[in-house]
Amino acid sequence: MKSRTAYLTFNTPTRHAFINITPQVRKIVEESGVREGMVLVNAMHISASVFINDDESGLHQDFEKWLEKLAPYLPEGYLHNRTGEDNADAHLKRQIMGREVVVAITAGKLDFGPWEQIFYGEFDGQRSKRVLVKVIGE
């Protein structure tokens, strides 16, 4: 069995961002030499997310609006923010959008359904954060 571990680092200039990381994950899978297996892609911060969906700008704007309705940015509105933070909404948004994804690798390629892409979701940006990419297989 083969494995490869890599890390992607992001530092978004804005508080919120959705970044298509499929090309980076695809490259790591190719470099691993794994032909049949799986790749785990995991946000390593509790105010960021990794998820799979369509790469369509209208949908991303819909996510932003929907998430803001569910967990609005209200620095004084959350008990967590009494710790001196102002990012309770980011923790909630991450919980909704998810921590990680697992994608099958078939014949050395990411085995997606139609339109599927992997995204990094940032909900408390403007600082460096990492994403773990772990490839396992044969």
N, C-alpha and C. Protein backbone atom coordinates (compact mmCIF):
# COMPACT_ATOMS: atom_id res chain seq x y z
N MET A 1 0.84 -1.18 0.00
CA MET A 1 0.00 0.00 0.00
C MET A 1 0.89 1.25 0.00
N LYS A 2 0.46 2.26 -0.75
CA LYS A 2 1.17 3.53 -0.82
C LYS A 2 0.37 4.57 -0.04
N SER A 3 1.08 5.59 0.42
CA SER A 3 0.39 6.74 1.01
C SER A 3 1.22 7.99 0.75
N ARG A 4 0.55 9.09 0.75
CA ARG A 4 1.22 10.39 0.61
C ARG A 4 0.45 11.40 1.42
N THR A 5 1.16 12.23 2.14
CA THR A 5 0.56 13.30 2.93
C THR A 5 1.09 14.63 2.41
N ALA A 6 0.20 15.55 2.19
CA ALA A 6 0.59 16.89 1.75
C ALA A 6 -0.30 17.90 2.46
N TYR A 7 0.16 19.13 2.50
CA TYR A 7 -0.60 20.20 3.13
C TYR A 7 -0.73 21.37 2.17
N LEU A 8 -1.92 21.93 2.12
CA LEU A 8 -2.16 23.16 1.38
C LEU A 8 -2.35 24.27 2.40
N THR A 9 -1.82 25.44 2.12
CA THR A 9 -1.96 26.58 3.03
C THR A 9 -2.70 27.70 2.34
N PHE A 10 -3.64 28.30 3.06
CA PHE A 10 -4.43 29.39 2.52
C PHE A 10 -4.40 30.56 3.49
N ASN A 11 -4.36 31.76 2.94
CA ASN A 11 -4.47 32.99 3.71
C ASN A 11 -5.30 33.94 2.85
N THR A 12 -6.60 33.89 3.04
CA THR A 12 -7.49 34.68 2.19
C THR A 12 -7.48 36.15 2.62
N PRO A 13 -7.59 37.07 1.66
CA PRO A 13 -7.60 38.49 2.00
C PRO A 13 -8.94 38.95 2.60
N THR A 14 -9.95 38.10 2.53
CA THR A 14 -11.28 38.43 3.04
C THR A 14 -11.67 37.45 4.14
N ARG A 15 -12.68 37.81 4.90
CA ARG A 15 -13.18 36.96 5.99
C ARG A 15 -13.77 35.66 5.45
N HIS A 16 -14.51 35.74 4.33
CA HIS A 16 -15.14 34.56 3.74
C HIS A 16 -14.60 34.35 2.33
N ALA A 17 -14.42 33.08 1.96
CA ALA A 17 -13.99 32.75 0.60
C ALA A 17 -14.29 31.29 0.32
N PHE A 18 -14.56 31.00 -0.94
CA PHE A 18 -14.66 29.63 -1.43
C PHE A 18 -13.60 29.47 -2.52
N ILE A 19 -12.71 28.50 -2.34
CA ILE A 19 -11.60 28.30 -3.26
C ILE A 19 -11.67 26.87 -3.81
N ASN A 20 -11.67 26.75 -5.12
CA ASN A 20 -11.66 25.44 -5.76
C ASN A 20 -10.25 24.87 -5.62
N ILE A 21 -10.12 23.80 -4.85
CA ILE A 21 -8.80 23.19 -4.62
C ILE A 21 -8.65 21.88 -5.39
N THR A 22 -9.57 21.59 -6.29
CA THR A 22 -9.50 20.35 -7.07
C THR A 22 -8.16 20.21 -7.81
N PRO A 23 -7.65 21.25 -8.49
CA PRO A 23 -6.38 21.08 -9.20
C PRO A 23 -5.22 20.69 -8.29
N GLN A 24 -5.15 21.28 -7.09
CA GLN A 24 -4.08 20.94 -6.16
C GLN A 24 -4.21 19.50 -5.67
N VAL A 25 -5.45 19.09 -5.34
CA VAL A 25 -5.67 17.72 -4.87
C VAL A 25 -5.36 16.74 -5.99
N ARG A 26 -5.79 17.04 -7.20
CA ARG A 26 -5.53 16.17 -8.36
C ARG A 26 -4.02 15.97 -8.54
N LYS A 27 -3.25 17.05 -8.41
CA LYS A 27 -1.79 16.96 -8.58
C LYS A 27 -1.17 16.08 -7.49
N ILE A 28 -1.63 16.22 -6.26
CA ILE A 28 -1.10 15.42 -5.15
C ILE A 28 -1.42 13.94 -5.39
N VAL A 29 -2.63 13.65 -5.86
CA VAL A 29 -3.00 12.27 -6.17
C VAL A 29 -2.10 11.71 -7.27
N GLU A 30 -1.89 12.48 -8.33
CA GLU A 30 -1.02 12.03 -9.42
C GLU A 30 0.40 11.77 -8.93
N GLU A 31 0.92 12.66 -8.11
CA GLU A 31 2.28 12.51 -7.59
C GLU A 31 2.41 11.31 -6.65
N SER A 32 1.32 10.90 -6.04
CA SER A 32 1.36 9.78 -5.08
C SER A 32 1.60 8.44 -5.76
N GLY A 33 1.23 8.34 -7.04
CA GLY A 33 1.33 7.07 -7.74
C GLY A 33 0.22 6.09 -7.42
N VAL A 34 -0.72 6.49 -6.59
CA VAL A 34 -1.85 5.61 -6.25
C VAL A 34 -2.78 5.52 -7.44
N ARG A 35 -3.10 4.30 -7.84
CA ARG A 35 -4.02 4.06 -8.96
C ARG A 35 -5.43 3.72 -8.48
N GLU A 36 -5.52 3.02 -7.34
CA GLU A 36 -6.81 2.63 -6.77
C GLU A 36 -6.74 2.91 -5.27
N GLY A 37 -7.64 3.75 -4.78
CA GLY A 37 -7.61 4.08 -3.36
C GLY A 37 -8.56 5.21 -3.03
N MET A 38 -8.14 6.02 -2.07
CA MET A 38 -8.95 7.14 -1.62
C MET A 38 -8.06 8.31 -1.22
N VAL A 39 -8.64 9.49 -1.29
CA VAL A 39 -7.97 10.68 -0.79
C VAL A 39 -8.89 11.37 0.21
N LEU A 40 -8.33 11.69 1.36
CA LEU A 40 -9.00 12.46 2.40
C LEU A 40 -8.51 13.89 2.27
N VAL A 41 -9.44 14.84 2.26
CA VAL A 41 -9.09 16.26 2.22
C VAL A 41 -9.79 16.89 3.42
N ASN A 42 -9.00 17.44 4.35
CA ASN A 42 -9.49 17.82 5.66
C ASN A 42 -9.06 19.24 6.04
N ALA A 43 -10.04 20.08 6.37
CA ALA A 43 -9.72 21.41 6.89
C ALA A 43 -9.20 21.24 8.31
N MET A 44 -8.04 21.81 8.58
CA MET A 44 -7.40 21.61 9.88
C MET A 44 -7.66 22.77 10.84
N HIS A 45 -8.71 23.52 10.59
CA HIS A 45 -9.07 24.66 11.45
C HIS A 45 -10.57 24.64 11.68
N ILE A 46 -10.99 25.03 12.86
CA ILE A 46 -12.40 24.92 13.23
C ILE A 46 -13.26 26.08 12.73
N SER A 47 -12.69 26.92 11.90
CA SER A 47 -13.47 27.98 11.27
C SER A 47 -13.31 27.95 9.74
N ALA A 48 -12.95 26.77 9.23
CA ALA A 48 -12.83 26.56 7.79
C ALA A 48 -13.43 25.20 7.44
N SER A 49 -13.70 25.00 6.17
CA SER A 49 -14.42 23.81 5.73
C SER A 49 -13.82 23.26 4.45
N VAL A 50 -14.09 21.98 4.20
CA VAL A 50 -13.83 21.37 2.90
C VAL A 50 -15.12 20.67 2.49
N PHE A 51 -15.55 20.90 1.26
CA PHE A 51 -16.81 20.30 0.80
C PHE A 51 -16.74 20.07 -0.70
N ILE A 52 -17.68 19.29 -1.19
CA ILE A 52 -17.78 19.01 -2.63
C ILE A 52 -19.07 19.61 -3.15
N ASN A 53 -18.97 20.32 -4.26
CA ASN A 53 -20.14 20.85 -4.93
C ASN A 53 -19.75 21.35 -6.31
N ASP A 54 -20.66 22.08 -6.94
CA ASP A 54 -20.48 22.62 -8.28
C ASP A 54 -19.66 23.91 -8.23
N ASP A 55 -18.82 24.14 -9.21
CA ASP A 55 -18.03 25.37 -9.30
C ASP A 55 -18.81 26.39 -10.13
N GLU A 56 -19.79 26.97 -9.51
CA GLU A 56 -20.68 27.93 -10.19
C GLU A 56 -20.84 29.14 -9.28
N SER A 57 -20.50 30.31 -9.78
CA SER A 57 -20.44 31.51 -8.93
C SER A 57 -21.78 31.87 -8.30
N GLY A 58 -22.88 31.67 -9.01
CA GLY A 58 -24.19 31.95 -8.41
C GLY A 58 -24.46 31.07 -7.21
N LEU A 59 -24.08 29.81 -7.32
CA LEU A 59 -24.25 28.88 -6.20
C LEU A 59 -23.40 29.32 -5.01
N HIS A 60 -22.20 29.76 -5.26
CA HIS A 60 -21.33 30.21 -4.17
C HIS A 60 -21.92 31.44 -3.48
N GLN A 61 -22.51 32.34 -4.25
CA GLN A 61 -23.17 33.49 -3.65
C GLN A 61 -24.39 33.05 -2.84
N ASP A 62 -25.10 32.04 -3.34
CA ASP A 62 -26.23 31.49 -2.59
C ASP A 62 -25.76 30.89 -1.26
N PHE A 63 -24.62 30.17 -1.28
CA PHE A 63 -24.07 29.64 -0.04
C PHE A 63 -23.81 30.77 0.95
N GLU A 64 -23.17 31.83 0.47
CA GLU A 64 -22.85 32.97 1.34
C GLU A 64 -24.11 33.53 2.00
N LYS A 65 -25.14 33.78 1.21
CA LYS A 65 -26.39 34.35 1.74
C LYS A 65 -27.05 33.39 2.71
N TRP A 66 -27.11 32.11 2.35
CA TRP A 66 -27.75 31.09 3.18
C TRP A 66 -27.03 30.95 4.52
N LEU A 67 -25.69 30.86 4.46
CA LEU A 67 -24.92 30.72 5.69
C LEU A 67 -25.07 31.94 6.59
N GLU A 68 -25.11 33.12 5.98
CA GLU A 68 -25.25 34.34 6.77
C GLU A 68 -26.63 34.40 7.45
N LYS A 69 -27.66 33.84 6.82
CA LYS A 69 -28.98 33.76 7.47
C LYS A 69 -28.95 32.78 8.64
N LEU A 70 -28.28 31.64 8.44
CA LEU A 70 -28.24 30.61 9.48
C LEU A 70 -27.33 31.00 10.65
N ALA A 71 -26.21 31.63 10.36
CA ALA A 71 -25.22 32.00 11.39
C ALA A 71 -24.65 33.36 11.06
N PRO A 72 -25.42 34.42 11.32
CA PRO A 72 -24.95 35.76 10.96
C PRO A 72 -23.74 36.20 11.78
N TYR A 73 -22.95 37.06 11.18
CA TYR A 73 -21.81 37.65 11.89
C TYR A 73 -22.35 38.67 12.87
N LEU A 74 -22.32 38.31 14.15
CA LEU A 74 -22.79 39.18 15.23
C LEU A 74 -21.77 39.10 16.37
N PRO A 75 -20.74 39.93 16.36
CA PRO A 75 -19.70 39.80 17.37
C PRO A 75 -20.22 39.78 18.81
N GLU A 76 -21.30 40.50 19.09
CA GLU A 76 -21.84 40.53 20.45
C GLU A 76 -22.96 39.52 20.65
N GLY A 77 -23.30 38.75 19.64
CA GLY A 77 -24.48 37.89 19.69
C GLY A 77 -24.25 36.44 20.09
N TYR A 78 -23.02 36.04 20.37
CA TYR A 78 -22.73 34.63 20.67
C TYR A 78 -21.95 34.52 21.98
N LEU A 79 -22.26 33.52 22.77
CA LEU A 79 -21.55 33.29 24.02
C LEU A 79 -20.06 33.02 23.79
N HIS A 80 -19.72 32.31 22.72
CA HIS A 80 -18.31 32.02 22.40
C HIS A 80 -17.50 33.30 22.30
N ASN A 81 -18.10 34.35 21.80
CA ASN A 81 -17.36 35.60 21.59
C ASN A 81 -16.99 36.30 22.89
N ARG A 82 -17.53 35.83 24.02
CA ARG A 82 -17.13 36.39 25.32
C ARG A 82 -15.68 36.03 25.66
N THR A 83 -15.10 35.10 24.91
CA THR A 83 -13.71 34.70 25.14
C THR A 83 -12.73 35.70 24.53
N GLY A 84 -13.26 36.73 23.86
CA GLY A 84 -12.40 37.70 23.19
C GLY A 84 -12.35 37.50 21.69
N GLU A 85 -12.92 36.41 21.22
CA GLU A 85 -13.00 36.14 19.79
C GLU A 85 -14.23 36.85 19.21
N ASP A 86 -14.29 36.91 17.88
CA ASP A 86 -15.49 37.42 17.22
C ASP A 86 -15.93 36.47 16.10
N ASN A 87 -15.58 35.17 16.25
CA ASN A 87 -15.75 34.24 15.14
C ASN A 87 -16.69 33.07 15.42
N ALA A 88 -17.59 33.22 16.37
CA ALA A 88 -18.54 32.13 16.65
C ALA A 88 -19.31 31.74 15.39
N ASP A 89 -19.68 32.74 14.60
CA ASP A 89 -20.41 32.44 13.35
C ASP A 89 -19.58 31.55 12.43
N ALA A 90 -18.27 31.74 12.41
CA ALA A 90 -17.40 30.93 11.56
C ALA A 90 -17.39 29.47 12.01
N HIS A 91 -17.41 29.23 13.30
CA HIS A 91 -17.48 27.87 13.82
C HIS A 91 -18.79 27.19 13.38
N LEU A 92 -19.88 27.93 13.47
CA LEU A 92 -21.18 27.38 13.08
C LEU A 92 -21.24 27.12 11.58
N LYS A 93 -20.71 28.03 10.78
CA LYS A 93 -20.70 27.85 9.33
C LYS A 93 -19.87 26.63 8.94
N ARG A 94 -18.76 26.42 9.61
CA ARG A 94 -17.93 25.24 9.35
C ARG A 94 -18.71 23.97 9.67
N GLN A 95 -19.46 24.00 10.76
CA GLN A 95 -20.22 22.82 11.15
C GLN A 95 -21.25 22.45 10.08
N ILE A 96 -21.84 23.46 9.47
CA ILE A 96 -22.84 23.25 8.43
C ILE A 96 -22.20 22.72 7.15
N MET A 97 -21.08 23.31 6.74
CA MET A 97 -20.46 22.97 5.45
C MET A 97 -19.55 21.74 5.52
N GLY A 98 -19.12 21.36 6.71
CA GLY A 98 -18.37 20.12 6.85
C GLY A 98 -16.88 20.29 7.03
N ARG A 99 -16.29 19.27 7.60
CA ARG A 99 -14.87 19.27 7.95
C ARG A 99 -14.00 18.69 6.86
N GLU A 100 -14.49 17.62 6.19
CA GLU A 100 -13.64 16.93 5.23
C GLU A 100 -14.46 16.23 4.17
N VAL A 101 -13.75 15.77 3.16
CA VAL A 101 -14.35 14.93 2.13
C VAL A 101 -13.39 13.77 1.85
N VAL A 102 -13.97 12.67 1.39
CA VAL A 102 -13.20 11.52 0.92
C VAL A 102 -13.63 11.27 -0.52
N VAL A 103 -12.66 11.15 -1.42
CA VAL A 103 -12.95 10.92 -2.83
C VAL A 103 -12.23 9.64 -3.26
N ALA A 104 -12.94 8.79 -3.98
CA ALA A 104 -12.33 7.57 -4.51
C ALA A 104 -11.33 7.94 -5.61
N ILE A 105 -10.30 7.12 -5.70
CA ILE A 105 -9.32 7.22 -6.78
C ILE A 105 -9.48 5.95 -7.61
N THR A 106 -9.77 6.12 -8.89
CA THR A 106 -9.94 5.00 -9.82
C THR A 106 -9.06 5.25 -11.03
N ALA A 107 -8.25 4.28 -11.36
CA ALA A 107 -7.33 4.39 -12.50
C ALA A 107 -6.45 5.65 -12.38
N GLY A 108 -6.07 5.99 -11.14
CA GLY A 108 -5.17 7.11 -10.91
C GLY A 108 -5.82 8.49 -10.93
N LYS A 109 -7.14 8.54 -11.03
CA LYS A 109 -7.84 9.83 -11.13
C LYS A 109 -8.93 9.95 -10.07
N LEU A 110 -9.24 11.20 -9.70
CA LEU A 110 -10.35 11.45 -8.79
C LEU A 110 -11.64 10.97 -9.46
N ASP A 111 -12.40 10.17 -8.76
CA ASP A 111 -13.60 9.55 -9.34
C ASP A 111 -14.83 10.34 -8.89
N PHE A 112 -15.09 11.44 -9.60
CA PHE A 112 -16.19 12.36 -9.29
C PHE A 112 -17.45 12.03 -10.07
N GLY A 113 -18.58 12.50 -9.53
CA GLY A 113 -19.81 12.56 -10.30
C GLY A 113 -19.79 13.83 -11.15
N PRO A 114 -20.80 13.99 -12.01
CA PRO A 114 -20.86 15.18 -12.86
C PRO A 114 -20.82 16.47 -12.04
N TRP A 115 -20.00 17.40 -12.45
CA TRP A 115 -19.88 18.74 -11.90
C TRP A 115 -19.21 18.81 -10.53
N GLU A 116 -18.87 17.68 -9.92
CA GLU A 116 -18.29 17.72 -8.58
C GLU A 116 -16.87 18.28 -8.60
N GLN A 117 -16.60 19.14 -7.63
CA GLN A 117 -15.29 19.74 -7.41
C GLN A 117 -15.09 19.84 -5.90
N ILE A 118 -13.84 19.94 -5.47
CA ILE A 118 -13.52 20.07 -4.04
C ILE A 118 -13.23 21.54 -3.74
N PHE A 119 -13.83 22.02 -2.66
CA PHE A 119 -13.68 23.42 -2.26
C PHE A 119 -13.17 23.56 -0.83
N TYR A 120 -12.35 24.59 -0.64
CA TYR A 120 -11.98 25.06 0.69
C TYR A 120 -12.91 26.22 0.99
N GLY A 121 -13.58 26.16 2.12
CA GLY A 121 -14.46 27.25 2.55
C GLY A 121 -13.84 27.96 3.74
N GLU A 122 -13.62 29.24 3.59
CA GLU A 122 -13.03 30.05 4.67
C GLU A 122 -14.12 30.93 5.27
N PHE A 123 -14.22 30.91 6.60
CA PHE A 123 -15.26 31.69 7.28
C PHE A 123 -14.70 32.66 8.31
N ASP A 124 -13.38 32.68 8.49
CA ASP A 124 -12.71 33.61 9.41
C ASP A 124 -11.29 33.82 8.90
N GLY A 125 -11.19 34.42 7.75
CA GLY A 125 -9.93 34.50 7.02
C GLY A 125 -8.96 35.54 7.50
N GLN A 126 -8.04 35.86 6.64
CA GLN A 126 -6.99 36.84 6.84
C GLN A 126 -5.91 36.36 7.79
N ARG A 127 -5.72 35.03 7.79
CA ARG A 127 -4.60 34.41 8.51
C ARG A 127 -4.36 33.04 7.89
N SER A 128 -3.17 32.51 8.06
CA SER A 128 -2.82 31.23 7.43
C SER A 128 -3.55 30.07 8.08
N LYS A 129 -4.06 29.19 7.22
CA LYS A 129 -4.72 27.96 7.66
C LYS A 129 -4.32 26.84 6.72
N ARG A 130 -4.34 25.60 7.25
CA ARG A 130 -3.89 24.46 6.47
C ARG A 130 -5.04 23.49 6.15
N VAL A 131 -4.83 22.78 5.06
CA VAL A 131 -5.70 21.68 4.65
C VAL A 131 -4.81 20.45 4.48
N LEU A 132 -5.21 19.34 5.09
CA LEU A 132 -4.49 18.08 4.96
C LEU A 132 -5.03 17.33 3.76
N VAL A 133 -4.13 16.79 2.95
CA VAL A 133 -4.50 15.91 1.83
C VAL A 133 -3.75 14.60 2.06
N LYS A 134 -4.49 13.52 2.30
CA LYS A 134 -3.92 12.20 2.61
C LYS A 134 -4.41 11.21 1.57
N VAL A 135 -3.46 10.68 0.77
CA VAL A 135 -3.77 9.72 -0.28
C VAL A 135 -3.36 8.34 0.22
N ILE A 136 -4.25 7.36 0.08
CA ILE A 136 -3.98 6.00 0.51
C ILE A 136 -4.49 5.04 -0.57
N GLY A 137 -3.68 4.06 -0.93
CA GLY A 137 -4.13 3.07 -1.90
C GLY A 137 -2.97 2.31 -2.51
N GLU A 138 -3.26 1.72 -3.65
CA GLU A 138 -2.25 0.90 -4.34
C GLU A 138 -2.04 1.40 -5.76
